[in-house]
Amino acid sequence: MWWWIEKLLIIVSFFISGGFSAYGSMTWGKLSEKK
């Protein structure tokens, strides 16, 4: 019963880390364009 919760946490953690990296690259690109 708990296996799907563990898989969900793994997927969510990967999604959050990927989202932060994508958001960081987008923000860095916008800052570079302003300079």
PDB file of N, CA and C in Angstrom:
ATOM      1  N   MET A   1       0.836  -1.204   0.000  1.00  0.00           N
ATOM      2  CA  MET A   1       0.000   0.000   0.000  1.00  0.00           C
ATOM      3  C   MET A   1       0.872   1.256   0.000  1.00  0.00           C
ATOM      4  N   TRP A   2       2.061   1.151   0.557  1.00  0.00           N
ATOM      5  CA  TRP A   2       2.918   2.340   0.671  1.00  0.00           C
ATOM      6  C   TRP A   2       3.827   2.525  -0.543  1.00  0.00           C
ATOM      7  N   TRP A   3       3.897   1.507  -1.415  1.00  0.00           N
ATOM      8  CA  TRP A   3       4.853   1.600  -2.531  1.00  0.00           C
ATOM      9  C   TRP A   3       4.492   2.735  -3.478  1.00  0.00           C
ATOM     10  N   TRP A   4       3.198   2.962  -3.705  1.00  0.00           N
ATOM     11  CA  TRP A   4       2.821   4.032  -4.644  1.00  0.00           C
ATOM     12  C   TRP A   4       3.097   5.403  -4.046  1.00  0.00           C
ATOM     13  N   ILE A   5       3.047   5.496  -2.719  1.00  0.00           N
ATOM     14  CA  ILE A   5       3.373   6.775  -2.073  1.00  0.00           C
ATOM     15  C   ILE A   5       4.862   7.070  -2.244  1.00  0.00           C
ATOM     16  N   GLU A   6       5.696   6.019  -2.096  1.00  0.00           N
ATOM     17  CA  GLU A   6       7.136   6.219  -2.274  1.00  0.00           C
ATOM     18  C   GLU A   6       7.434   6.624  -3.706  1.00  0.00           C
ATOM     19  N   LYS A   7       6.797   5.953  -4.670  1.00  0.00           N
ATOM     20  CA  LYS A   7       7.022   6.306  -6.077  1.00  0.00           C
ATOM     21  C   LYS A   7       6.542   7.724  -6.345  1.00  0.00           C
ATOM     22  N   LEU A   8       5.419   8.104  -5.739  1.00  0.00           N
ATOM     23  CA  LEU A   8       4.892   9.457  -5.936  1.00  0.00           C
ATOM     24  C   LEU A   8       5.876  10.491  -5.387  1.00  0.00           C
ATOM     25  N   LEU A   9       6.452  10.207  -4.210  1.00  0.00           N
ATOM     26  CA  LEU A   9       7.419  11.140  -3.627  1.00  0.00           C
ATOM     27  C   LEU A   9       8.643  11.260  -4.523  1.00  0.00           C
ATOM     28  N   ILE A  10       9.097  10.131  -5.089  1.00  0.00           N
ATOM     29  CA  ILE A  10      10.272  10.168  -5.973  1.00  0.00           C
ATOM     30  C   ILE A  10       9.968  11.002  -7.204  1.00  0.00           C
ATOM     31  N   ILE A  11       8.793  10.785  -7.806  1.00  0.00           N
ATOM     32  CA  ILE A  11       8.421  11.539  -9.009  1.00  0.00           C
ATOM     33  C   ILE A  11       8.310  13.023  -8.680  1.00  0.00           C
ATOM     34  N   VAL A  12       7.682  13.336  -7.550  1.00  0.00           N
ATOM     35  CA  VAL A  12       7.515  14.745  -7.162  1.00  0.00           C
ATOM     36  C   VAL A  12       8.874  15.394  -6.917  1.00  0.00           C
ATOM     37  N   SER A  13       9.776  14.668  -6.256  1.00  0.00           N
ATOM     38  CA  SER A  13      11.099  15.241  -5.976  1.00  0.00           C
ATOM     39  C   SER A  13      11.847  15.505  -7.273  1.00  0.00           C
ATOM     40  N   PHE A  14      11.762  14.553  -8.231  1.00  0.00           N
ATOM     41  CA  PHE A  14      12.424  14.766  -9.523  1.00  0.00           C
ATOM     42  C   PHE A  14      11.799  15.948 -10.241  1.00  0.00           C
ATOM     43  N   PHE A  15      10.468  16.055 -10.181  1.00  0.00           N
ATOM     44  CA  PHE A  15       9.769  17.145 -10.868  1.00  0.00           C
ATOM     45  C   PHE A  15      10.154  18.494 -10.268  1.00  0.00           C
ATOM     46  N   ILE A  16      10.253  18.536  -8.930  1.00  0.00           N
ATOM     47  CA  ILE A  16      10.600  19.799  -8.265  1.00  0.00           C
ATOM     48  C   ILE A  16      12.032  20.199  -8.610  1.00  0.00           C
ATOM     49  N   SER A  17      12.966  19.237  -8.548  1.00  0.00           N
ATOM     50  CA  SER A  17      14.367  19.568  -8.858  1.00  0.00           C
ATOM     51  C   SER A  17      14.495  20.000 -10.310  1.00  0.00           C
ATOM     52  N   GLY A  18      13.809  19.324 -11.222  1.00  0.00           N
ATOM     53  CA  GLY A  18      13.863  19.706 -12.635  1.00  0.00           C
ATOM     54  C   GLY A  18      13.238  21.066 -12.852  1.00  0.00           C
ATOM     55  N   GLY A  19      12.147  21.343 -12.158  1.00  0.00           N
ATOM     56  CA  GLY A  19      11.490  22.640 -12.306  1.00  0.00           C
ATOM     57  C   GLY A  19      12.373  23.762 -11.797  1.00  0.00           C
ATOM     58  N   PHE A  20      13.057  23.522 -10.670  1.00  0.00           N
ATOM     59  CA  PHE A  20      13.935  24.563 -10.129  1.00  0.00           C
ATOM     60  C   PHE A  20      15.089  24.831 -11.084  1.00  0.00           C
ATOM     61  N   SER A  21      15.665  23.771 -11.673  1.00  0.00           N
ATOM     62  CA  SER A  21      16.789  23.970 -12.592  1.00  0.00           C
ATOM     63  C   SER A  21      16.320  24.711 -13.840  1.00  0.00           C
ATOM     64  N   ALA A  22      15.149  24.357 -14.356  1.00  0.00           N
ATOM     65  CA  ALA A  22      14.622  25.034 -15.552  1.00  0.00           C
ATOM     66  C   ALA A  22      14.303  26.489 -15.222  1.00  0.00           C
ATOM     67  N   TYR A  23      13.689  26.723 -14.065  1.00  0.00           N
ATOM     68  CA  TYR A  23      13.352  28.092 -13.661  1.00  0.00           C
ATOM     69  C   TYR A  23      14.626  28.913 -13.465  1.00  0.00           C
ATOM     70  N   GLY A  24      15.637  28.304 -12.866  1.00  0.00           N
ATOM     71  CA  GLY A  24      16.900  29.011 -12.648  1.00  0.00           C
ATOM     72  C   GLY A  24      17.563  29.366 -13.969  1.00  0.00           C
ATOM     73  N   SER A  25      17.552  28.437 -14.932  1.00  0.00           N
ATOM     74  CA  SER A  25      18.175  28.727 -16.228  1.00  0.00           C
ATOM     75  C   SER A  25      17.394  29.825 -16.947  1.00  0.00           C
ATOM     76  N   MET A  26      16.066  29.806 -16.845  1.00  0.00           N
ATOM     77  CA  MET A  26      15.255  30.842 -17.492  1.00  0.00           C
ATOM     78  C   MET A  26      15.559  32.205 -16.861  1.00  0.00           C
ATOM     79  N   THR A  27      15.593  32.254 -15.528  1.00  0.00           N
ATOM     80  CA  THR A  27      15.873  33.520 -14.842  1.00  0.00           C
ATOM     81  C   THR A  27      17.274  34.008 -15.194  1.00  0.00           C
ATOM     82  N   TRP A  28      18.246  33.095 -15.231  1.00  0.00           N
ATOM     83  CA  TRP A  28      19.618  33.487 -15.555  1.00  0.00           C
ATOM     84  C   TRP A  28      19.680  34.016 -16.981  1.00  0.00           C
ATOM     85  N   GLY A  29      18.924  33.388 -17.901  1.00  0.00           N
ATOM     86  CA  GLY A  29      18.908  33.852 -19.290  1.00  0.00           C
ATOM     87  C   GLY A  29      18.335  35.254 -19.382  1.00  0.00           C
ATOM     88  N   LYS A  30      17.260  35.525 -18.643  1.00  0.00           N
ATOM     89  CA  LYS A  30      16.657  36.867 -18.674  1.00  0.00           C
ATOM     90  C   LYS A  30      17.626  37.897 -18.098  1.00  0.00           C
ATOM     91  N   LEU A  31      18.323  37.541 -17.018  1.00  0.00           N
ATOM     92  CA  LEU A  31      19.280  38.479 -16.427  1.00  0.00           C
ATOM     93  C   LEU A  31      20.427  38.730 -17.396  1.00  0.00           C
ATOM     94  N   SER A  32      20.860  37.688 -18.111  1.00  0.00           N
ATOM     95  CA  SER A  32      21.962  37.861 -19.059  1.00  0.00           C
ATOM     96  C   SER A  32      21.516  38.760 -20.209  1.00  0.00           C
ATOM     97  N   GLU A  33      20.261  38.624 -20.635  1.00  0.00           N
ATOM     98  CA  GLU A  33      19.778  39.454 -21.740  1.00  0.00           C
ATOM     99  C   GLU A  33      19.740  40.924 -21.326  1.00  0.00           C
ATOM    100  N   LYS A  34      19.369  41.197 -20.076  1.00  0.00           N
ATOM    101  CA  LYS A  34      19.307  42.590 -19.614  1.00  0.00           C
ATOM    102  C   LYS A  34      20.700  43.209 -19.624  1.00  0.00           C
ATOM    103  N   LYS A  35      21.707  42.420 -19.268  1.00  0.00           N
ATOM    104  CA  LYS A  35      23.085  42.937 -19.271  1.00  0.00           C
ATOM    105  C   LYS A  35      23.565  43.032 -20.710  1.00  0.00           C
TER     106      LYS A  35
END
